[in-house]
Amino acid sequence: MAELQPEGATAPEKVKIRNLSDTGILVDTASILDRGDRVIVKLKTIGPVAGRVAWTQGVRVGISFDAPIDSQAARQQVRSENTEAPRYARPAVAPRSSDWRVRPL
């Protein structure tokens, strides 16, 4: 996922990345863009990248970057300093103790 902000737009839109290279990106977007429109693509590990719409076909938009990026760096996962799983992702199992009993039904 990335954020796409057309020139003159007030807020970015979340878009799905379909393909990424050093010189461009293919995304699915709900925005109506025309060939030649200026955009900013915000990639999580790289940051904002300026570009121009090269082509559109339905919801798919091809964007050519103004300057090449390191696409391998963009593919790296964002890592958190917190090594413990968030509470909602932990198993909902209570620890057993010696006084733990199963209640008959």
PDB file of N, CA and C in Angstrom:
ATOM      1  N   MET A   1       0.838  -1.179   0.000  1.00  0.00           N
ATOM      2  CA  MET A   1       0.000   0.000   0.000  1.00  0.00           C
ATOM      3  C   MET A   1       0.889   1.250   0.000  1.00  0.00           C
ATOM      4  N   ALA A   2       0.333   2.315  -0.537  1.00  0.00           N
ATOM      5  CA  ALA A   2       1.024   3.599  -0.582  1.00  0.00           C
ATOM      6  C   ALA A   2      -0.035   4.697  -0.516  1.00  0.00           C
ATOM      7  N   GLU A   3       0.414   5.944  -0.491  1.00  0.00           N
ATOM      8  CA  GLU A   3      -0.501   7.076  -0.547  1.00  0.00           C
ATOM      9  C   GLU A   3      -0.207   7.851  -1.820  1.00  0.00           C
ATOM     10  N   LEU A   4      -1.272   8.266  -2.493  1.00  0.00           N
ATOM     11  CA  LEU A   4      -1.155   9.013  -3.740  1.00  0.00           C
ATOM     12  C   LEU A   4      -1.854  10.349  -3.560  1.00  0.00           C
ATOM     13  N   GLN A   5      -1.146  11.417  -3.884  1.00  0.00           N
ATOM     14  CA  GLN A   5      -1.732  12.752  -3.771  1.00  0.00           C
ATOM     15  C   GLN A   5      -1.527  13.502  -5.083  1.00  0.00           C
ATOM     16  N   PRO A   6      -2.608  13.685  -5.852  1.00  0.00           N
ATOM     17  CA  PRO A   6      -2.498  14.478  -7.075  1.00  0.00           C
ATOM     18  C   PRO A   6      -2.178  15.930  -6.742  1.00  0.00           C
ATOM     19  N   GLU A   7      -1.493  16.607  -7.651  1.00  0.00           N
ATOM     20  CA  GLU A   7      -1.160  18.013  -7.453  1.00  0.00           C
ATOM     21  C   GLU A   7      -2.451  18.815  -7.282  1.00  0.00           C
ATOM     22  N   GLY A   8      -2.519  19.618  -6.231  1.00  0.00           N
ATOM     23  CA  GLY A   8      -3.696  20.426  -5.954  1.00  0.00           C
ATOM     24  C   GLY A   8      -4.713  19.754  -5.050  1.00  0.00           C
ATOM     25  N   ALA A   9      -4.560  18.471  -4.770  1.00  0.00           N
ATOM     26  CA  ALA A   9      -5.481  17.763  -3.871  1.00  0.00           C
ATOM     27  C   ALA A   9      -5.152  18.128  -2.430  1.00  0.00           C
ATOM     28  N   THR A  10      -6.174  18.124  -1.573  1.00  0.00           N
ATOM     29  CA  THR A  10      -5.963  18.503  -0.177  1.00  0.00           C
ATOM     30  C   THR A  10      -5.475  17.353   0.694  1.00  0.00           C
ATOM     31  N   ALA A  11      -5.811  16.132   0.309  1.00  0.00           N
ATOM     32  CA  ALA A  11      -5.434  14.981   1.136  1.00  0.00           C
ATOM     33  C   ALA A  11      -5.019  13.816   0.240  1.00  0.00           C
ATOM     34  N   PRO A  12      -4.099  12.966   0.723  1.00  0.00           N
ATOM     35  CA  PRO A  12      -3.704  11.796  -0.062  1.00  0.00           C
ATOM     36  C   PRO A  12      -4.752  10.694   0.017  1.00  0.00           C
ATOM     37  N   GLU A  13      -4.688   9.783  -0.932  1.00  0.00           N
ATOM     38  CA  GLU A  13      -5.584   8.622  -0.995  1.00  0.00           C
ATOM     39  C   GLU A  13      -4.740   7.360  -0.875  1.00  0.00           C
ATOM     40  N   LYS A  14      -5.217   6.377  -0.137  1.00  0.00           N
ATOM     41  CA  LYS A  14      -4.517   5.097  -0.044  1.00  0.00           C
ATOM     42  C   LYS A  14      -4.756   4.335  -1.346  1.00  0.00           C
ATOM     43  N   VAL A  15      -3.670   3.810  -1.904  1.00  0.00           N
ATOM     44  CA  VAL A  15      -3.747   3.058  -3.154  1.00  0.00           C
ATOM     45  C   VAL A  15      -3.018   1.732  -2.995  1.00  0.00           C
ATOM     46  N   LYS A  16      -3.411   0.768  -3.820  1.00  0.00           N
ATOM     47  CA  LYS A  16      -2.762  -0.540  -3.807  1.00  0.00           C
ATOM     48  C   LYS A  16      -1.692  -0.565  -4.888  1.00  0.00           C
ATOM     49  N   ILE A  17      -0.479  -0.930  -4.483  1.00  0.00           N
ATOM     50  CA  ILE A  17       0.629  -1.040  -5.427  1.00  0.00           C
ATOM     51  C   ILE A  17       0.519  -2.375  -6.158  1.00  0.00           C
ATOM     52  N   ARG A  18       0.506  -2.323  -7.481  1.00  0.00           N
ATOM     53  CA  ARG A  18       0.472  -3.532  -8.301  1.00  0.00           C
ATOM     54  C   ARG A  18       1.857  -3.909  -8.810  1.00  0.00           C
ATOM     55  N   ASN A  19       2.680  -2.892  -9.104  1.00  0.00           N
ATOM     56  CA  ASN A  19       4.008  -3.129  -9.633  1.00  0.00           C
ATOM     57  C   ASN A  19       4.882  -1.924  -9.284  1.00  0.00           C
ATOM     58  N   LEU A  20       6.155  -2.171  -9.017  1.00  0.00           N
ATOM     59  CA  LEU A  20       7.067  -1.103  -8.646  1.00  0.00           C
ATOM     60  C   LEU A  20       8.429  -1.358  -9.277  1.00  0.00           C
ATOM     61  N   SER A  21       8.990  -0.327  -9.886  1.00  0.00           N
ATOM     62  CA  SER A  21      10.343  -0.413 -10.438  1.00  0.00           C
ATOM     63  C   SER A  21      11.102   0.838 -10.021  1.00  0.00           C
ATOM     64  N   ASP A  22      12.355   0.930 -10.425  1.00  0.00           N
ATOM     65  CA  ASP A  22      13.161   2.104 -10.080  1.00  0.00           C
ATOM     66  C   ASP A  22      12.633   3.375 -10.745  1.00  0.00           C
ATOM     67  N   THR A  23      11.950   3.236 -11.872  1.00  0.00           N
ATOM     68  CA  THR A  23      11.524   4.412 -12.637  1.00  0.00           C
ATOM     69  C   THR A  23      10.022   4.687 -12.610  1.00  0.00           C
ATOM     70  N   GLY A  24       9.225   3.778 -12.011  1.00  0.00           N
ATOM     71  CA  GLY A  24       7.786   4.016 -11.996  1.00  0.00           C
ATOM     72  C   GLY A  24       7.027   3.044 -11.137  1.00  0.00           C
ATOM     73  N   ILE A  25       5.711   3.243 -11.099  1.00  0.00           N
ATOM     74  CA  ILE A  25       4.842   2.438 -10.248  1.00  0.00           C
ATOM     75  C   ILE A  25       3.484   2.266 -10.932  1.00  0.00           C
ATOM     76  N   LEU A  26       2.854   1.122 -10.708  1.00  0.00           N
ATOM     77  CA  LEU A  26       1.499   0.852 -11.173  1.00  0.00           C
ATOM     78  C   LEU A  26       0.628   0.695  -9.937  1.00  0.00           C
ATOM     79  N   VAL A  27      -0.441   1.497  -9.849  1.00  0.00           N
ATOM     80  CA  VAL A  27      -1.319   1.461  -8.682  1.00  0.00           C
ATOM     81  C   VAL A  27      -2.781   1.345  -9.107  1.00  0.00           C
ATOM     82  N   ASP A  28      -3.603   0.850  -8.186  1.00  0.00           N
ATOM     83  CA  ASP A  28      -5.061   0.883  -8.324  1.00  0.00           C
ATOM     84  C   ASP A  28      -5.553   2.079  -7.522  1.00  0.00           C
ATOM     85  N   THR A  29      -6.339   2.959  -8.142  1.00  0.00           N
ATOM     86  CA  THR A  29      -6.811   4.155  -7.468  1.00  0.00           C
ATOM     87  C   THR A  29      -8.256   4.457  -7.842  1.00  0.00           C
ATOM     88  N   ALA A  30      -8.963   5.112  -6.936  1.00  0.00           N
ATOM     89  CA  ALA A  30     -10.327   5.557  -7.205  1.00  0.00           C
ATOM     90  C   ALA A  30     -10.332   6.963  -7.794  1.00  0.00           C
ATOM     91  N   SER A  31      -9.188   7.647  -7.742  1.00  0.00           N
ATOM     92  CA  SER A  31      -9.086   9.013  -8.280  1.00  0.00           C
ATOM     93  C   SER A  31      -9.169   8.995  -9.801  1.00  0.00           C
ATOM     94  N   ILE A  32      -9.748  10.039 -10.346  1.00  0.00           N
ATOM     95  CA  ILE A  32      -9.799  10.189 -11.793  1.00  0.00           C
ATOM     96  C   ILE A  32      -8.606  11.046 -12.199  1.00  0.00           C
ATOM     97  N   LEU A  33      -7.657  10.413 -12.858  1.00  0.00           N
ATOM     98  CA  LEU A  33      -6.429  11.087 -13.265  1.00  0.00           C
ATOM     99  C   LEU A  33      -6.296  11.033 -14.780  1.00  0.00           C
ATOM    100  N   ASP A  34      -5.638  12.031 -15.329  1.00  0.00           N
ATOM    101  CA  ASP A  34      -5.381  12.079 -16.766  1.00  0.00           C
ATOM    102  C   ASP A  34      -3.894  11.963 -17.029  1.00  0.00           C
ATOM    103  N   ARG A  35      -3.569  11.532 -18.212  1.00  0.00           N
ATOM    104  CA  ARG A  35      -2.173  11.426 -18.616  1.00  0.00           C
ATOM    105  C   ARG A  35      -1.516  12.800 -18.492  1.00  0.00           C
ATOM    106  N   GLY A  36      -0.343  12.835 -17.857  1.00  0.00           N
ATOM    107  CA  GLY A  36       0.389  14.084 -17.677  1.00  0.00           C
ATOM    108  C   GLY A  36       0.163  14.755 -16.329  1.00  0.00           C
ATOM    109  N   ASP A  37      -0.843  14.301 -15.548  1.00  0.00           N
ATOM    110  CA  ASP A  37      -1.084  14.890 -14.225  1.00  0.00           C
ATOM    111  C   ASP A  37       0.110  14.669 -13.309  1.00  0.00           C
ATOM    112  N   ARG A  38       0.465  15.680 -12.527  1.00  0.00           N
ATOM    113  CA  ARG A  38       1.545  15.583 -11.544  1.00  0.00           C
ATOM    114  C   ARG A  38       0.996  14.959 -10.267  1.00  0.00           C
ATOM    115  N   VAL A  39       1.759  14.060  -9.658  1.00  0.00           N
ATOM    116  CA  VAL A  39       1.351  13.379  -8.422  1.00  0.00           C
ATOM    117  C   VAL A  39       2.548  13.216  -7.501  1.00  0.00           C
ATOM    118  N   ILE A  40       2.246  12.979  -6.222  1.00  0.00           N
ATOM    119  CA  ILE A  40       3.240  12.598  -5.222  1.00  0.00           C
ATOM    120  C   ILE A  40       2.815  11.229  -4.699  1.00  0.00           C
ATOM    121  N   VAL A  41       3.723  10.267  -4.746  1.00  0.00           N
ATOM    122  CA  VAL A  41       3.476   8.931  -4.199  1.00  0.00           C
ATOM    123  C   VAL A  41       4.291   8.821  -2.925  1.00  0.00           C
ATOM    124  N   LYS A  42       3.616   8.506  -1.802  1.00  0.00           N
ATOM    125  CA  LYS A  42       4.321   8.342  -0.518  1.00  0.00           C
ATOM    126  C   LYS A  42       4.503   6.860  -0.243  1.00  0.00           C
ATOM    127  N   LEU A  43       5.751   6.411  -0.339  1.00  0.00           N
ATOM    128  CA  LEU A  43       6.101   5.027  -0.048  1.00  0.00           C
ATOM    129  C   LEU A  43       6.608   4.952   1.386  1.00  0.00           C
ATOM    130  N   LYS A  44       6.180   3.952   2.131  1.00  0.00           N
ATOM    131  CA  LYS A  44       6.472   3.875   3.567  1.00  0.00           C
ATOM    132  C   LYS A  44       7.961   3.918   3.894  1.00  0.00           C
ATOM    133  N   THR A  45       8.778   3.200   3.172  1.00  0.00           N
ATOM    134  CA  THR A  45      10.196   3.130   3.530  1.00  0.00           C
ATOM    135  C   THR A  45      11.058   4.175   2.835  1.00  0.00           C
ATOM    136  N   ILE A  46      10.530   4.825   1.803  1.00  0.00           N
ATOM    137  CA  ILE A  46      11.307   5.822   1.072  1.00  0.00           C
ATOM    138  C   ILE A  46      10.822   7.236   1.333  1.00  0.00           C
ATOM    139  N   GLY A  47       9.509   7.408   1.429  1.00  0.00           N
ATOM    140  CA  GLY A  47       8.935   8.737   1.606  1.00  0.00           C
ATOM    141  C   GLY A  47       8.288   9.222   0.323  1.00  0.00           C
ATOM    142  N   PRO A  48       8.093  10.540   0.206  1.00  0.00           N
ATOM    143  CA  PRO A  48       7.401  11.067  -0.972  1.00  0.00           C
ATOM    144  C   PRO A  48       8.283  11.038  -2.228  1.00  0.00           C
ATOM    145  N   VAL A  49       7.663  10.632  -3.340  1.00  0.00           N
ATOM    146  CA  VAL A  49       8.344  10.576  -4.634  1.00  0.00           C
ATOM    147  C   VAL A  49       7.452  11.292  -5.654  1.00  0.00           C
ATOM    148  N   ALA A  50       8.007  12.275  -6.342  1.00  0.00           N
ATOM    149  CA  ALA A  50       7.249  13.032  -7.346  1.00  0.00           C
ATOM    150  C   ALA A  50       7.242  12.279  -8.671  1.00  0.00           C
ATOM    151  N   GLY A  51       6.141  12.440  -9.405  1.00  0.00           N
ATOM    152  CA  GLY A  51       6.052  11.793 -10.706  1.00  0.00           C
ATOM    153  C   GLY A  51       4.932  12.367 -11.548  1.00  0.00           C
ATOM    154  N   ARG A  52       4.733  11.736 -12.691  1.00  0.00           N
ATOM    155  CA  ARG A  52       3.725  12.171 -13.649  1.00  0.00           C
ATOM    156  C   ARG A  52       2.963  10.935 -14.143  1.00  0.00           C
ATOM    157  N   VAL A  53       1.652  11.066 -14.312  1.00  0.00           N
ATOM    158  CA  VAL A  53       0.834   9.964 -14.814  1.00  0.00           C
ATOM    159  C   VAL A  53       1.242   9.688 -16.260  1.00  0.00           C
ATOM    160  N   ALA A  54       1.688   8.455 -16.523  1.00  0.00           N
ATOM    161  CA  ALA A  54       2.118   8.059 -17.861  1.00  0.00           C
ATOM    162  C   ALA A  54       0.944   7.492 -18.666  1.00  0.00           C
ATOM    163  N   TRP A  55       0.057   6.740 -17.988  1.00  0.00           N
ATOM    164  CA  TRP A  55      -1.109   6.167 -18.651  1.00  0.00           C
ATOM    165  C   TRP A  55      -2.157   5.787 -17.622  1.00  0.00           C
ATOM    166  N   THR A  56      -3.387   5.635 -18.071  1.00  0.00           N
ATOM    167  CA  THR A  56      -4.484   5.168 -17.215  1.00  0.00           C
ATOM    168  C   THR A  56      -5.301   4.145 -17.985  1.00  0.00           C
ATOM    169  N   GLN A  57      -5.836   3.176 -17.249  1.00  0.00           N
ATOM    170  CA  GLN A  57      -6.719   2.171 -17.834  1.00  0.00           C
ATOM    171  C   GLN A  57      -7.660   1.704 -16.735  1.00  0.00           C
ATOM    172  N   GLY A  58      -8.853   2.256 -16.695  1.00  0.00           N
ATOM    173  CA  GLY A  58      -9.799   1.948 -15.635  1.00  0.00           C
ATOM    174  C   GLY A  58      -9.280   2.464 -14.308  1.00  0.00           C
ATOM    175  N   VAL A  59      -9.194   1.573 -13.319  1.00  0.00           N
ATOM    176  CA  VAL A  59      -8.703   1.975 -12.001  1.00  0.00           C
ATOM    177  C   VAL A  59      -7.178   1.914 -11.904  1.00  0.00           C
ATOM    178  N   ARG A  60      -6.536   1.370 -12.921  1.00  0.00           N
ATOM    179  CA  ARG A  60      -5.066   1.239 -12.908  1.00  0.00           C
ATOM    180  C   ARG A  60      -4.414   2.479 -13.522  1.00  0.00           C
ATOM    181  N   VAL A  61      -3.370   2.945 -12.830  1.00  0.00           N
ATOM    182  CA  VAL A  61      -2.655   4.142 -13.262  1.00  0.00           C
ATOM    183  C   VAL A  61      -1.157   3.849 -13.222  1.00  0.00           C
ATOM    184  N   GLY A  62      -0.486   4.148 -14.323  1.00  0.00           N
ATOM    185  CA  GLY A  62       0.964   4.024 -14.395  1.00  0.00           C
ATOM    186  C   GLY A  62       1.596   5.385 -14.172  1.00  0.00           C
ATOM    187  N   ILE A  63       2.539   5.448 -13.253  1.00  0.00           N
ATOM    188  CA  ILE A  63       3.188   6.714 -12.903  1.00  0.00           C
ATOM    189  C   ILE A  63       4.682   6.590 -13.165  1.00  0.00           C
ATOM    190  N   SER A  64       5.222   7.567 -13.861  1.00  0.00           N
ATOM    191  CA  SER A  64       6.659   7.633 -14.135  1.00  0.00           C
ATOM    192  C   SER A  64       7.280   8.603 -13.137  1.00  0.00           C
ATOM    193  N   PHE A  65       8.287   8.143 -12.377  1.00  0.00           N
ATOM    194  CA  PHE A  65       8.940   8.984 -11.382  1.00  0.00           C
ATOM    195  C   PHE A  65       9.827  10.028 -12.064  1.00  0.00           C
ATOM    196  N   ASP A  66       9.947  11.197 -11.430  1.00  0.00           N
ATOM    197  CA  ASP A  66      10.831  12.250 -11.948  1.00  0.00           C
ATOM    198  C   ASP A  66      12.294  11.842 -11.852  1.00  0.00           C
ATOM    199  N   ALA A  67      12.645  11.120 -10.807  1.00  0.00           N
ATOM    200  CA  ALA A  67      14.011  10.634 -10.602  1.00  0.00           C
ATOM    201  C   ALA A  67      13.937   9.177 -10.152  1.00  0.00           C
ATOM    202  N   PRO A  68      14.888   8.345 -10.559  1.00  0.00           N
ATOM    203  CA  PRO A  68      14.864   6.935 -10.150  1.00  0.00           C
ATOM    204  C   PRO A  68      14.959   6.776  -8.633  1.00  0.00           C
ATOM    205  N   ILE A  69      14.347   5.698  -8.135  1.00  0.00           N
ATOM    206  CA  ILE A  69      14.405   5.343  -6.712  1.00  0.00           C
ATOM    207  C   ILE A  69      15.060   3.977  -6.577  1.00  0.00           C
ATOM    208  N   ASP A  70      15.324   3.566  -5.360  1.00  0.00           N
ATOM    209  CA  ASP A  70      15.808   2.210  -5.086  1.00  0.00           C
ATOM    210  C   ASP A  70      14.586   1.357  -4.760  1.00  0.00           C
ATOM    211  N   SER A  71      14.082   0.632  -5.745  1.00  0.00           N
ATOM    212  CA  SER A  71      12.856  -0.142  -5.543  1.00  0.00           C
ATOM    213  C   SER A  71      13.039  -1.266  -4.527  1.00  0.00           C
ATOM    214  N   GLN A  72      14.265  -1.770  -4.384  1.00  0.00           N
ATOM    215  CA  GLN A  72      14.519  -2.807  -3.373  1.00  0.00           C
ATOM    216  C   GLN A  72      14.348  -2.239  -1.960  1.00  0.00           C
ATOM    217  N   ALA A  73      14.786  -1.007  -1.750  1.00  0.00           N
ATOM    218  CA  ALA A  73      14.605  -0.353  -0.444  1.00  0.00           C
ATOM    219  C   ALA A  73      13.129  -0.120  -0.169  1.00  0.00           C
ATOM    220  N   ALA A  74      12.364   0.169  -1.201  1.00  0.00           N
ATOM    221  CA  ALA A  74      10.922   0.405  -1.034  1.00  0.00           C
ATOM    222  C   ALA A  74      10.190  -0.875  -0.657  1.00  0.00           C
ATOM    223  N   ARG A  75      10.736  -2.024  -1.026  1.00  0.00           N
ATOM    224  CA  ARG A  75      10.081  -3.308  -0.728  1.00  0.00           C
ATOM    225  C   ARG A  75      10.367  -3.817   0.685  1.00  0.00           C
ATOM    226  N   GLN A  76      11.331  -3.221   1.380  1.00  0.00           N
ATOM    227  CA  GLN A  76      11.641  -3.661   2.741  1.00  0.00           C
ATOM    228  C   GLN A  76      10.477  -3.346   3.669  1.00  0.00           C
ATOM    229  N   GLN A  77      10.237  -4.241   4.596  1.00  0.00           N
ATOM    230  CA  GLN A  77       9.153  -4.032   5.551  1.00  0.00           C
ATOM    231  C   GLN A  77       9.555  -3.014   6.595  1.00  0.00           C
ATOM    232  N   VAL A  78       8.558  -2.224   7.009  1.00  0.00           N
ATOM    233  CA  VAL A  78       8.781  -1.269   8.092  1.00  0.00           C
ATOM    234  C   VAL A  78       8.832  -2.062   9.384  1.00  0.00           C
ATOM    235  N   ARG A  79       9.902  -1.894  10.132  1.00  0.00           N
ATOM    236  CA  ARG A  79      10.074  -2.654  11.376  1.00  0.00           C
ATOM    237  C   ARG A  79       9.805  -1.767  12.574  1.00  0.00           C
ATOM    238  N   SER A  80       9.186  -2.361  13.571  1.00  0.00           N
ATOM    239  CA  SER A  80       8.885  -1.661  14.809  1.00  0.00           C
ATOM    240  C   SER A  80       9.912  -2.061  15.858  1.00  0.00           C
ATOM    241  N   GLU A  81      10.169  -1.171  16.808  1.00  0.00           N
ATOM    242  CA  GLU A  81      11.088  -1.495  17.893  1.00  0.00           C
ATOM    243  C   GLU A  81      10.443  -2.445  18.894  1.00  0.00           C
ATOM    244  N   ASN A  82       9.124  -2.509  18.913  1.00  0.00           N
ATOM    245  CA  ASN A  82       8.401  -3.375  19.826  1.00  0.00           C
ATOM    246  C   ASN A  82       8.454  -4.806  19.298  1.00  0.00           C
ATOM    247  N   THR A  83       9.108  -5.707  20.028  1.00  0.00           N
ATOM    248  CA  THR A  83       9.260  -7.086  19.578  1.00  0.00           C
ATOM    249  C   THR A  83       8.111  -7.972  20.026  1.00  0.00           C
ATOM    250  N   GLU A  84       7.281  -7.503  20.927  1.00  0.00           N
ATOM    251  CA  GLU A  84       6.157  -8.284  21.429  1.00  0.00           C
ATOM    252  C   GLU A  84       4.936  -8.069  20.537  1.00  0.00           C
ATOM    253  N   ALA A  85       4.172  -9.143  20.333  1.00  0.00           N
ATOM    254  CA  ALA A  85       2.956  -9.037  19.518  1.00  0.00           C
ATOM    255  C   ALA A  85       1.939  -8.147  20.226  1.00  0.00           C
ATOM    256  N   PRO A  86       1.160  -7.376  19.461  1.00  0.00           N
ATOM    257  CA  PRO A  86       0.130  -6.552  20.093  1.00  0.00           C
ATOM    258  C   PRO A  86      -0.883  -7.428  20.813  1.00  0.00           C
ATOM    259  N   ARG A  87      -1.522  -6.893  21.815  1.00  0.00           N
ATOM    260  CA  ARG A  87      -2.456  -7.662  22.643  1.00  0.00           C
ATOM    261  C   ARG A  87      -3.533  -8.352  21.814  1.00  0.00           C
ATOM    262  N   TYR A  88      -4.064  -7.662  20.791  1.00  0.00           N
ATOM    263  CA  TYR A  88      -5.131  -8.256  19.985  1.00  0.00           C
ATOM    264  C   TYR A  88      -4.631  -9.432  19.140  1.00  0.00           C
ATOM    265  N   ALA A  89      -3.317  -9.579  18.960  1.00  0.00           N
ATOM    266  CA  ALA A  89      -2.771 -10.666  18.154  1.00  0.00           C
ATOM    267  C   ALA A  89      -2.307 -11.853  18.994  1.00  0.00           C
ATOM    268  N   ARG A  90      -2.385 -11.742  20.302  1.00  0.00           N
ATOM    269  CA  ARG A  90      -1.964 -12.851  21.170  1.00  0.00           C
ATOM    270  C   ARG A  90      -3.091 -13.866  21.304  1.00  0.00           C
ATOM    271  N   PRO A  91      -2.747 -15.124  21.528  1.00  0.00           N
ATOM    272  CA  PRO A  91      -3.796 -16.131  21.716  1.00  0.00           C
ATOM    273  C   PRO A  91      -4.593 -15.859  22.989  1.00  0.00           C
ATOM    274  N   ALA A  92      -5.873 -16.131  22.919  1.00  0.00           N
ATOM    275  CA  ALA A  92      -6.761 -15.898  24.065  1.00  0.00           C
ATOM    276  C   ALA A  92      -6.836 -17.149  24.923  1.00  0.00           C
ATOM    277  N   VAL A  93      -5.719 -17.562  25.474  1.00  0.00           N
ATOM    278  CA  VAL A  93      -5.647 -18.753  26.306  1.00  0.00           C
ATOM    279  C   VAL A  93      -5.138 -18.339  27.681  1.00  0.00           C
ATOM    280  N   ALA A  94      -5.880 -18.736  28.691  1.00  0.00           N
ATOM    281  CA  ALA A  94      -5.465 -18.408  30.051  1.00  0.00           C
ATOM    282  C   ALA A  94      -4.371 -19.376  30.501  1.00  0.00           C
ATOM    283  N   PRO A  95      -3.400 -18.899  31.248  1.00  0.00           N
ATOM    284  CA  PRO A  95      -2.361 -19.803  31.742  1.00  0.00           C
ATOM    285  C   PRO A  95      -2.955 -20.784  32.760  1.00  0.00           C
ATOM    286  N   ARG A  96      -2.465 -21.996  32.756  1.00  0.00           N
ATOM    287  CA  ARG A  96      -2.972 -23.009  33.699  1.00  0.00           C
ATOM    288  C   ARG A  96      -2.263 -22.874  35.040  1.00  0.00           C
ATOM    289  N   SER A  97      -2.998 -23.168  36.068  1.00  0.00           N
ATOM    290  CA  SER A  97      -2.396 -23.175  37.402  1.00  0.00           C
ATOM    291  C   SER A  97      -2.870 -24.433  38.132  1.00  0.00           C
ATOM    292  N   SER A  98      -2.313 -24.701  39.303  1.00  0.00           N
ATOM    293  CA  SER A  98      -2.650 -25.927  40.045  1.00  0.00           C
ATOM    294  C   SER A  98      -4.096 -25.927  40.525  1.00  0.00           C
ATOM    295  N   ASP A  99      -4.699 -24.751  40.743  1.00  0.00           N
ATOM    296  CA  ASP A  99      -6.090 -24.721  41.228  1.00  0.00           C
ATOM    297  C   ASP A  99      -7.101 -24.569  40.078  1.00  0.00           C
ATOM    298  N   TRP A 100      -6.650 -24.742  38.848  1.00  0.00           N
ATOM    299  CA  TRP A 100      -7.510 -24.617  37.697  1.00  0.00           C
ATOM    300  C   TRP A 100      -8.323 -25.883  37.535  1.00  0.00           C
ATOM    301  N   ARG A 101      -9.651 -25.761  37.403  1.00  0.00           N
ATOM    302  CA  ARG A 101     -10.517 -26.924  37.260  1.00  0.00           C
ATOM    303  C   ARG A 101     -11.514 -26.677  36.119  1.00  0.00           C
ATOM    304  N   VAL A 102     -11.905 -27.775  35.474  1.00  0.00           N
ATOM    305  CA  VAL A 102     -12.921 -27.699  34.442  1.00  0.00           C
ATOM    306  C   VAL A 102     -14.270 -27.897  35.114  1.00  0.00           C
ATOM    307  N   ARG A 103     -15.174 -27.006  34.865  1.00  0.00           N
ATOM    308  CA  ARG A 103     -16.509 -27.088  35.457  1.00  0.00           C
ATOM    309  C   ARG A 103     -17.365 -28.010  34.612  1.00  0.00           C
ATOM    310  N   PRO A 104     -18.016 -29.015  35.232  1.00  0.00           N
ATOM    311  CA  PRO A 104     -18.880 -29.920  34.466  1.00  0.00           C
ATOM    312  C   PRO A 104     -20.135 -29.189  33.978  1.00  0.00           C
ATOM    313  N   LEU A 105     -20.593 -29.573  32.821  1.00  0.00           N
ATOM    314  CA  LEU A 105     -21.804 -28.965  32.269  1.00  0.00           C
ATOM    315  C   LEU A 105     -23.008 -29.814  32.498  1.00  0.00           C
TER     316      LEU A 105
END
